[in-house]
Amino acid sequence: MNTKSTLLDPSCLGVCSLSEPLPEVAHGIVSRAVLTAPGLRLTLFHFAEGQELSEHATPARALVQVIAGSCEFTFADGARRLKAGDLIHMPPRLPHAVLALEALTLLVAQVGGPSAGE
């Protein structure tokens, strides 16, 4: 049984696969903490096709990389479609929603702010 709370230990050098750690989900969203350290939280998310996160915001700055699949991020000024390989930057407290257009894997880095471990 793996008792680690994150895929990487913040106190030492480490490597993990971003293509394998999350199981496929037929419905819903699965997340796994990759690394948590003061001022930084790195989380891997897997969405089943059609799943969405309703509008929300975080006090932390966020960088979101699409690892696999495609999605639509909605902001007050409109929607942006993202695909595997795309990276989006969101400043703190920016309201946004996410819709998985197909099975989707995202890597989310939150930097600074209370939700990033400060």
Protein backbone atom coordinates (compact mmCIF):
# COMPACT_ATOMS: atom_id res chain seq x y z
CA MET A 1 0.00 0.00 0.00
CA ASN A 2 1.37 3.42 -0.96
CA THR A 3 1.13 5.76 2.03
CA LYS A 4 2.82 8.71 0.30
CA SER A 5 0.53 11.72 0.07
CA THR A 6 2.29 12.98 -3.11
CA LEU A 7 3.99 11.33 -6.07
CA LEU A 8 7.20 13.27 -5.35
CA ASP A 9 8.86 13.90 -1.99
CA PRO A 10 9.61 17.64 -1.70
CA SER A 11 12.78 16.96 0.31
CA CYS A 12 14.68 15.00 -2.33
CA LEU A 13 15.30 14.44 -6.04
CA GLY A 14 12.53 12.48 -7.70
CA VAL A 15 11.00 11.41 -11.00
CA CYS A 16 7.44 10.32 -11.75
CA SER A 17 5.43 9.50 -14.87
CA LEU A 18 2.66 11.94 -15.75
CA SER A 19 1.15 9.54 -18.26
CA GLU A 20 0.42 6.66 -15.87
CA PRO A 21 -0.41 7.66 -12.26
CA LEU A 22 -4.18 8.14 -12.61
CA PRO A 23 -6.68 5.42 -13.49
CA GLU A 24 -9.15 5.94 -16.31
CA VAL A 25 -12.54 7.09 -15.07
CA ALA A 26 -15.84 6.39 -16.79
CA HIS A 27 -17.52 9.30 -15.00
CA GLY A 28 -16.13 12.03 -12.80
CA ILE A 29 -12.81 13.65 -12.04
CA VAL A 30 -9.80 12.09 -10.29
CA SER A 31 -6.89 14.09 -8.89
CA ARG A 32 -3.50 13.18 -7.47
CA ALA A 33 -1.04 15.46 -5.67
CA VAL A 34 2.31 15.37 -7.47
CA LEU A 35 4.24 17.74 -5.20
CA THR A 36 3.34 20.02 -2.31
CA ALA A 37 5.90 22.45 -0.89
CA PRO A 38 5.74 25.95 0.61
CA GLY A 39 4.34 28.23 -2.09
CA LEU A 40 3.83 25.41 -4.62
CA ARG A 41 1.20 22.77 -5.28
CA LEU A 42 1.41 20.53 -8.36
CA THR A 43 -1.66 18.37 -9.06
CA LEU A 44 -2.53 15.94 -11.84
CA PHE A 45 -6.22 15.80 -12.83
CA HIS A 46 -8.01 13.30 -15.05
CA PHE A 47 -11.51 14.15 -16.29
CA ALA A 48 -13.87 11.75 -18.02
CA GLU A 49 -15.26 13.12 -21.28
CA GLY A 50 -18.02 15.66 -20.62
CA GLN A 51 -17.08 16.32 -17.00
CA GLU A 52 -16.81 19.91 -15.89
CA LEU A 53 -15.74 22.08 -13.00
CA SER A 54 -18.18 24.93 -12.46
CA GLU A 55 -16.87 28.47 -12.16
CA HIS A 56 -14.35 28.89 -9.35
CA ALA A 57 -11.19 30.84 -8.54
CA THR A 58 -8.06 30.26 -6.48
CA PRO A 59 -5.99 32.80 -4.56
CA ALA A 60 -2.86 31.28 -6.12
CA ARG A 61 -1.34 31.93 -9.55
CA ALA A 62 -2.01 28.88 -11.76
CA LEU A 63 -0.26 27.32 -14.73
CA VAL A 64 -2.27 24.56 -16.41
CA GLN A 65 -0.73 22.21 -18.96
CA VAL A 66 -2.91 19.90 -21.02
CA ILE A 67 -1.14 16.53 -20.96
CA ALA A 68 -3.76 14.58 -22.97
CA GLY A 69 -7.14 15.30 -24.52
CA SER A 70 -8.82 18.65 -25.02
CA CYS A 71 -10.93 21.04 -22.99
CA GLU A 72 -12.60 24.39 -22.91
CA PHE A 73 -11.72 26.98 -20.26
CA THR A 74 -14.41 29.65 -19.84
CA PHE A 75 -13.61 33.12 -18.51
CA ALA A 76 -15.67 36.32 -18.21
CA ASP A 77 -14.39 37.42 -21.65
CA GLY A 78 -15.17 34.13 -23.41
CA ALA A 79 -13.95 30.57 -23.88
CA ARG A 80 -10.59 29.18 -24.91
CA ARG A 81 -10.18 25.69 -26.36
CA LEU A 82 -6.99 23.91 -25.28
CA LYS A 83 -5.43 20.66 -26.54
CA ALA A 84 -2.55 18.41 -25.52
CA GLY A 85 0.65 20.44 -25.30
CA ASP A 86 -1.06 23.76 -24.52
CA LEU A 87 -0.21 25.77 -21.41
CA ILE A 88 -2.39 28.47 -19.89
CA HIS A 89 -1.48 31.03 -17.21
CA MET A 90 -4.14 32.37 -14.85
CA PRO A 91 -3.41 35.18 -12.41
CA PRO A 92 -4.67 34.84 -8.82
CA ARG A 93 -8.43 35.09 -8.22
CA LEU A 94 -9.41 34.74 -11.90
CA PRO A 95 -12.86 33.08 -12.14
CA HIS A 96 -12.89 30.20 -14.62
CA ALA A 97 -14.71 26.97 -15.48
CA VAL A 98 -13.42 23.85 -17.25
CA LEU A 99 -15.20 21.39 -19.56
CA ALA A 100 -13.53 18.17 -20.79
CA LEU A 101 -14.33 17.82 -24.50
CA GLU A 102 -12.82 14.31 -24.39
CA ALA A 103 -10.93 12.27 -21.77
CA LEU A 104 -8.59 14.88 -20.33
CA THR A 105 -5.42 15.00 -18.22
CA LEU A 106 -4.25 18.32 -16.80
CA LEU A 107 -1.17 19.22 -14.78
CA VAL A 108 -1.96 22.21 -12.55
CA ALA A 109 0.77 24.20 -10.80
CA GLN A 110 -0.43 26.66 -8.17
CA VAL A 111 2.27 29.11 -7.12
CA GLY A 112 1.93 31.36 -4.07
CA GLY A 113 -1.25 32.00 -2.12
CA PRO A 114 -2.90 29.86 0.57
CA SER A 115 -4.00 27.09 -1.82
CA ALA A 116 -0.39 26.51 -2.84
CA GLY A 117 0.80 25.67 0.65
CA GLU A 118 1.77 29.11 1.96
